[in-house]
Amino acid sequence: MSKSKKHKERVLKTNQNDRAKKLPLKSILFMVIVIAIFGSALYLIISKSASLDPVDKDAIKMTITMAGFEPNVIRAKAGQPVTINLINPDNSHHTDGGGVHNFILESGGLGKVNITVQPESQDVFTFTPTLAGEYHWYCDSCCGGRENPNMHGTLIVA
C-alpha cells in the first residue's frame, strides 16, 4: 500500500472519529432545546390557567365557553345585589367570534346588563334585580349567539 493511500485512510478515520464525537454533542444540544421548548410551553399553559382563577372570591364564579355558561342558573332575592365574576377561558383563535363572549340580560326591573369578556380574561360586575320572576340571559357574540340554546342561562329572583 502506498504512503499516500495510508495517509488518506488515516485522515478518513480521523474525520470519522471527529464526526462520531460531534454526534453525541448535537444530540445533547437537540434534547436540551426540545426540553426548553416544552418546558416553556408548559409554564405558559399553567400560568395562563392560574390567571383565570376568579379575581373576586365572594362573587358568583361563572365560566363562559363555546359550550355555554356554567352555572346556567342563578338564584337571587329581589333588592339584593348580585355580583358575578365572568371568566372566559377561550382563546382568540376561535373562528366564530374570535373567542369573545358576552352576558346580556334584558329584563323587567334590571334595565339592560351587557358585559363583554375578551378571550382568556374575566370581568366582575354587579346588578340588583328589583322584581321577582324568571329572567333569561344569553351570549350574542359568537357560537350562534342568541339562537344557540347552550348560550343561555336563567336568573330566578324570589
Protein backbone atom coordinates (compact mmCIF):
# COMPACT_ATOMS: atom_id res chain seq x y z
CA MET A 1 0.00 0.00 0.00
CA SER A 2 1.39 3.41 -0.88
CA LYS A 3 2.09 6.12 1.66
CA SER A 4 -0.50 8.47 0.21
CA LYS A 5 -3.19 5.78 0.39
CA LYS A 6 -2.31 5.09 4.05
CA HIS A 7 -2.37 8.81 4.76
CA LYS A 8 -5.84 9.12 3.16
CA GLU A 9 -7.13 6.21 5.24
CA ARG A 10 -5.70 7.76 8.42
CA VAL A 11 -7.33 11.12 7.58
CA LEU A 12 -10.61 9.36 6.79
CA LYS A 13 -10.56 7.52 10.15
CA THR A 14 -9.73 10.75 11.99
CA ASN A 15 -12.64 12.53 10.27
CA GLN A 16 -14.99 9.66 11.15
CA ASN A 17 -13.84 9.78 14.80
CA ASP A 18 -14.39 13.56 14.88
CA ARG A 19 -17.90 13.11 13.47
CA ALA A 20 -18.63 10.35 15.99
CA LYS A 21 -17.56 12.68 18.81
CA LYS A 22 -19.68 15.57 17.47
CA LEU A 23 -22.82 13.43 17.05
CA PRO A 24 -23.48 12.99 20.81
CA LEU A 25 -22.93 16.72 21.33
CA LYS A 26 -25.50 17.52 18.64
CA SER A 27 -27.93 15.02 20.16
CA ILE A 28 -27.49 16.51 23.62
CA LEU A 29 -27.94 20.04 22.29
CA PHE A 30 -31.08 18.97 20.42
CA MET A 31 -32.54 17.38 23.57
CA VAL A 32 -31.78 20.49 25.64
CA ILE A 33 -33.57 22.67 23.07
CA VAL A 34 -36.59 20.33 22.95
CA ILE A 35 -36.84 20.25 26.76
CA ALA A 36 -36.58 24.06 26.92
CA ILE A 37 -39.36 24.49 24.36
CA PHE A 38 -41.73 22.04 26.08
CA GLY A 39 -40.89 23.49 29.49
CA SER A 40 -41.69 27.00 28.28
CA ALA A 41 -44.98 25.86 26.74
CA LEU A 42 -46.00 24.07 29.94
CA TYR A 43 -45.14 27.16 32.00
CA LEU A 44 -47.27 29.38 29.75
CA ILE A 45 -50.23 26.99 29.94
CA ILE A 46 -50.05 26.69 33.71
CA SER A 47 -49.56 30.43 34.29
CA LYS A 48 -52.48 31.29 31.97
CA SER A 49 -54.77 28.79 33.73
CA ALA A 50 -53.81 30.18 37.11
CA SER A 51 -54.63 33.71 35.94
CA LEU A 52 -58.22 32.63 35.26
CA ASP A 53 -58.92 31.97 38.91
CA PRO A 54 -61.70 34.32 39.99
CA VAL A 55 -60.46 37.78 40.94
CA ASP A 56 -63.43 38.24 43.28
CA LYS A 57 -63.73 35.21 45.55
CA ASP A 58 -67.05 36.49 47.00
CA ALA A 59 -68.74 36.80 43.60
CA ILE A 60 -70.61 34.04 41.79
CA LYS A 61 -67.99 32.33 39.63
CA MET A 62 -69.40 31.93 36.14
CA THR A 63 -67.46 30.49 33.19
CA ILE A 64 -68.49 31.16 29.61
CA THR A 65 -67.05 28.98 26.83
CA MET A 66 -68.11 27.83 23.38
CA ALA A 67 -70.11 25.17 25.25
CA GLY A 68 -72.17 27.69 27.22
CA PHE A 69 -72.47 29.19 30.71
CA GLU A 70 -71.53 27.36 33.90
CA PRO A 71 -73.58 27.69 36.05
CA ASN A 72 -76.52 28.42 33.80
CA VAL A 73 -78.98 29.07 36.65
CA ILE A 74 -78.59 31.72 39.35
CA ARG A 75 -80.96 32.32 42.25
CA ALA A 76 -81.26 35.77 43.82
CA LYS A 77 -83.52 37.85 46.07
CA ALA A 78 -85.27 40.98 44.85
CA GLY A 79 -83.48 44.11 46.03
CA GLN A 80 -80.21 42.26 46.80
CA PRO A 81 -77.14 42.90 44.63
CA VAL A 82 -75.84 40.03 42.50
CA THR A 83 -72.10 40.07 41.76
CA ILE A 84 -70.77 37.80 39.02
CA ASN A 85 -67.15 37.04 38.20
CA LEU A 86 -67.49 36.14 34.49
CA ILE A 87 -64.50 34.14 33.25
CA ASN A 88 -63.76 33.46 29.57
CA PRO A 89 -61.05 30.78 29.19
CA ASP A 90 -61.49 30.55 25.39
CA ASN A 91 -58.62 31.87 23.30
CA SER A 92 -58.70 34.27 20.37
CA HIS A 93 -58.12 31.51 17.80
CA HIS A 94 -61.79 30.53 17.61
CA THR A 95 -63.11 31.12 14.13
CA ASP A 96 -66.58 32.02 15.38
CA GLY A 97 -66.41 35.33 17.23
CA GLY A 98 -62.69 35.28 18.00
CA GLY A 99 -63.26 33.83 21.47
CA VAL A 100 -65.12 36.93 22.70
CA HIS A 101 -68.21 36.25 24.83
CA ASN A 102 -70.81 38.39 26.50
CA PHE A 103 -73.51 38.28 29.14
CA ILE A 104 -76.69 40.08 28.10
CA LEU A 105 -79.65 40.29 30.47
CA GLU A 106 -82.64 42.40 29.40
CA SER A 107 -85.40 42.03 31.92
CA GLY A 108 -88.01 43.87 33.95
CA GLY A 109 -86.61 45.97 36.74
CA LEU A 110 -83.00 45.47 35.65
CA GLY A 111 -82.59 47.69 32.66
CA LYS A 112 -80.02 46.09 30.39
CA VAL A 113 -76.89 44.32 31.61
CA ASN A 114 -74.42 43.88 28.74
CA ILE A 115 -70.93 42.71 29.68
CA THR A 116 -68.33 41.66 27.11
CA VAL A 117 -65.37 39.49 28.14
CA GLN A 118 -62.34 39.22 25.89
CA PRO A 119 -60.59 35.85 25.32
CA GLU A 120 -58.62 34.48 28.26
CA SER A 121 -59.85 37.19 30.60
CA GLN A 122 -62.58 37.99 33.09
CA ASP A 123 -64.82 40.75 34.36
CA VAL A 124 -66.64 41.31 37.64
CA PHE A 125 -69.98 43.12 37.54
CA THR A 126 -72.91 43.74 39.86
CA PHE A 127 -76.59 44.33 39.22
CA THR A 128 -79.63 44.43 41.50
CA PRO A 129 -82.84 42.70 40.41
CA THR A 130 -85.87 44.59 41.71
CA LEU A 131 -88.73 42.36 40.58
CA ALA A 132 -89.38 38.71 41.38
CA GLY A 133 -89.56 36.40 38.38
CA GLU A 134 -87.53 34.38 35.91
CA TYR A 135 -85.19 36.22 33.61
CA HIS A 136 -83.01 34.89 30.81
CA TRP A 137 -79.51 35.95 29.83
CA TYR A 138 -77.57 34.98 26.71
CA CYS A 139 -74.31 35.39 24.81
CA ASP A 140 -74.78 37.08 21.45
CA SER A 141 -71.19 37.48 20.27
CA CYS A 142 -70.41 34.02 18.88
CA CYS A 143 -71.38 30.36 18.71
CA GLY A 144 -74.70 31.01 17.02
CA GLY A 145 -75.39 33.75 19.53
CA ARG A 146 -78.85 34.17 20.95
CA GLU A 147 -80.17 31.35 18.75
CA ASN A 148 -77.85 28.75 20.30
CA PRO A 149 -79.67 27.00 23.18
CA ASN A 150 -76.37 26.36 25.00
CA MET A 151 -75.55 30.06 25.18
CA HIS A 152 -78.39 30.90 27.62
CA GLY A 153 -78.96 30.98 31.34
CA THR A 154 -81.73 31.76 33.81
CA LEU A 155 -81.87 34.18 36.72
CA ILE A 156 -84.56 33.21 39.26
CA VAL A 157 -85.48 36.11 41.53
CA ALA A 158 -87.60 35.43 44.61
